[in-house]
Amino acid sequence: MAGALGRLISGGDRNSRFAGSFNLVTEGHRMADNAQVTELRLVVTAPDYEQALHFYRDVLGLRQQAVFDSEGGRVTLLGAGRATLELAEPGHAAYVDDVEVGRRSAGHIRVAFAVADSAAATDLARQAGATVLAPPTTTPWARRTPAWMPRPDCS
């Protein structure tokens, strides 16, 4: 499956609008240094765009980098500092939920923001309507993590 996905994403389908735009490492292959991934983008489709923009930009303080309009609507790019992609086995994801929240709470995708003050960020998120799942917790990996979810209308 990874091979087929790699071919599709790498532009193996010439009719794809992504053709040649980026590559995926597949078994036995490695991208050239000049083709390495340089940015990770997480795209959130928000039913209440204005509320989501307020929450992520104004409450969490993500820096607005660009805004684009199309016939179908708008997209705002918000800078969130450094990004990493963590691949976790289900058992590890359950362990993280247990440590941070006390129960399984995340789906197959977890969005996490590193902040300077977990308690203050949790309080601001709560005031903006986020559901607090657990108070900030010091984890075994030496981070104090807030555990909250944005309002349903801006997730």
Protein backbone atom coordinates (compact mmCIF):
# COMPACT_ATOMS: atom_id res chain seq x y z
CA MET A 1 0.00 0.00 0.00
CA ALA A 2 2.80 2.44 0.83
CA GLY A 3 4.25 1.86 -2.61
CA ALA A 4 0.97 2.77 -4.33
CA LEU A 5 0.52 5.74 -2.06
CA GLY A 6 4.11 6.79 -2.73
CA ARG A 7 3.56 6.60 -6.48
CA LEU A 8 0.34 8.60 -6.24
CA ILE A 9 1.78 11.31 -4.02
CA SER A 10 5.07 11.54 -5.89
CA GLY A 11 3.30 12.35 -9.10
CA GLY A 12 3.03 8.86 -10.58
CA ASP A 13 -0.43 9.90 -11.78
CA ARG A 14 0.27 12.70 -14.26
CA ASN A 15 -3.31 13.96 -14.02
CA SER A 16 -2.96 14.56 -10.28
CA ARG A 17 -2.89 18.20 -9.21
CA PHE A 18 -0.06 17.17 -6.89
CA ALA A 19 2.04 15.73 -9.69
CA GLY A 20 5.68 16.35 -8.95
CA SER A 21 4.96 18.64 -5.99
CA PHE A 22 6.42 16.36 -3.32
CA ASN A 23 7.53 12.81 -2.74
CA LEU A 24 7.05 10.12 -0.17
CA VAL A 25 9.82 7.80 1.02
CA THR A 26 8.87 4.24 0.16
CA GLU A 27 10.63 1.03 1.03
CA GLY A 28 14.03 0.92 -0.62
CA HIS A 29 13.93 4.52 -1.83
CA ARG A 30 15.06 7.81 -0.34
CA MET A 31 14.42 11.32 -1.61
CA ALA A 32 17.35 13.39 -2.80
CA ASP A 33 18.53 16.02 -0.31
CA ASN A 34 17.06 18.84 -2.40
CA ALA A 35 13.63 17.17 -2.38
CA GLN A 36 13.36 16.64 1.39
CA VAL A 37 10.19 17.74 3.16
CA THR A 38 10.75 21.23 4.57
CA GLU A 39 7.40 21.94 6.20
CA LEU A 40 4.51 20.08 7.80
CA ARG A 41 1.06 21.59 7.35
CA LEU A 42 -2.03 20.54 9.23
CA VAL A 43 -5.21 21.74 7.52
CA VAL A 44 -8.29 22.11 9.72
CA THR A 45 -11.64 22.49 7.95
CA ALA A 46 -13.68 24.64 10.32
CA PRO A 47 -17.47 24.93 10.00
CA ASP A 48 -17.26 28.24 11.90
CA TYR A 49 -14.21 29.78 10.22
CA GLU A 50 -14.32 33.09 12.14
CA GLN A 51 -14.57 31.34 15.52
CA ALA A 52 -11.73 28.99 14.62
CA LEU A 53 -9.59 31.90 13.43
CA HIS A 54 -10.28 33.77 16.66
CA PHE A 55 -9.43 30.71 18.76
CA TYR A 56 -6.17 29.72 17.06
CA ARG A 57 -4.89 33.22 16.19
CA ASP A 58 -6.24 35.45 18.94
CA VAL A 59 -6.50 33.05 21.90
CA LEU A 60 -3.58 30.68 21.26
CA GLY A 61 -1.47 33.37 19.61
CA LEU A 62 -0.53 31.59 16.38
CA ARG A 63 0.98 34.14 13.99
CA GLN A 64 -1.02 34.93 10.88
CA GLN A 65 1.25 34.37 7.89
CA ALA A 66 -1.08 34.64 4.91
CA VAL A 67 -4.72 34.71 3.86
CA PHE A 68 -6.02 33.39 0.54
CA ASP A 69 -9.50 33.71 -0.96
CA SER A 70 -11.05 31.39 -3.50
CA GLU A 71 -14.48 30.97 -5.04
CA GLY A 72 -15.20 28.45 -2.29
CA GLY A 73 -14.03 30.45 0.70
CA ARG A 74 -10.92 31.46 2.60
CA VAL A 75 -7.88 29.89 4.15
CA THR A 76 -5.60 31.51 6.71
CA LEU A 77 -2.10 30.15 7.29
CA LEU A 78 -1.07 30.41 10.93
CA GLY A 79 2.52 29.89 12.04
CA ALA A 80 2.86 27.47 14.92
CA GLY A 81 6.62 27.43 15.28
CA ARG A 82 8.30 24.10 14.65
CA ALA A 83 6.34 21.04 13.51
CA THR A 84 7.02 17.35 13.96
CA LEU A 85 5.16 14.29 12.74
CA GLU A 86 4.88 11.63 15.41
CA LEU A 87 3.93 8.13 14.31
CA ALA A 88 2.63 6.10 17.24
CA GLU A 89 1.41 2.57 17.66
CA PRO A 90 -2.10 2.37 19.17
CA GLY A 91 -0.73 1.14 22.51
CA HIS A 92 1.59 4.14 22.82
CA ALA A 93 -1.21 6.56 21.90
CA ALA A 94 -3.36 4.99 24.63
CA TYR A 95 -0.44 5.36 27.08
CA VAL A 96 -0.07 9.07 26.24
CA ASP A 97 -3.81 9.61 26.76
CA ASP A 98 -3.63 7.80 30.08
CA VAL A 99 -0.70 9.96 31.25
CA GLU A 100 -2.11 13.27 30.01
CA VAL A 101 -5.86 12.80 30.53
CA GLY A 102 -6.37 9.65 32.58
CA ARG A 103 -8.39 7.87 29.89
CA ARG A 104 -8.43 7.30 26.13
CA SER A 105 -9.54 10.60 24.63
CA ALA A 106 -7.79 11.27 21.32
CA GLY A 107 -8.71 9.77 18.01
CA HIS A 108 -6.16 8.64 15.46
CA ILE A 109 -4.92 12.23 15.10
CA ARG A 110 -3.79 14.33 18.05
CA VAL A 111 -2.97 18.01 17.70
CA ALA A 112 -0.60 19.35 20.35
CA PHE A 113 0.89 22.80 20.88
CA ALA A 114 3.99 23.47 22.96
CA VAL A 115 3.45 26.57 25.09
CA ALA A 116 5.54 28.45 27.65
CA ASP A 117 2.87 28.33 30.38
CA SER A 118 0.52 25.33 30.28
CA ALA A 119 -1.71 26.60 33.08
CA ALA A 120 -2.20 30.01 31.44
CA ALA A 121 -2.81 28.45 28.01
CA THR A 122 -5.36 26.05 29.49
CA ASP A 123 -7.13 28.91 31.26
CA LEU A 124 -7.28 31.00 28.07
CA ALA A 125 -8.53 28.03 26.07
CA ARG A 126 -11.22 27.36 28.71
CA GLN A 127 -12.31 31.00 28.63
CA ALA A 128 -12.57 30.80 24.84
CA GLY A 129 -14.90 27.82 25.08
CA ALA A 130 -12.53 24.85 24.86
CA THR A 131 -13.41 21.71 26.78
CA VAL A 132 -10.71 20.98 29.38
CA LEU A 133 -10.15 17.24 29.52
CA ALA A 134 -7.61 17.35 32.34
CA PRO A 135 -5.47 19.92 34.15
CA PRO A 136 -1.90 20.50 32.90
CA THR A 137 0.13 17.42 33.77
CA THR A 138 3.88 16.86 34.07
CA THR A 139 4.63 13.89 31.85
CA PRO A 140 7.43 11.30 32.08
CA TRP A 141 8.98 13.00 29.04
CA ALA A 142 9.47 16.12 31.18
CA ARG A 143 6.83 18.33 29.64
CA ARG A 144 3.90 19.95 31.32
CA THR A 145 1.06 19.39 28.92
CA PRO A 146 -2.36 20.99 28.80
CA ALA A 147 -5.17 18.66 27.76
CA TRP A 148 -8.10 20.43 26.16
CA MET A 149 -10.10 20.43 22.99
CA PRO A 150 -11.26 23.44 20.99
CA ARG A 151 -14.93 24.24 20.78
CA PRO A 152 -16.75 21.84 18.46
CA ASP A 153 -17.64 24.65 16.05
CA CYS A 154 -13.98 25.55 15.47
CA SER A 155 -12.30 22.16 15.47
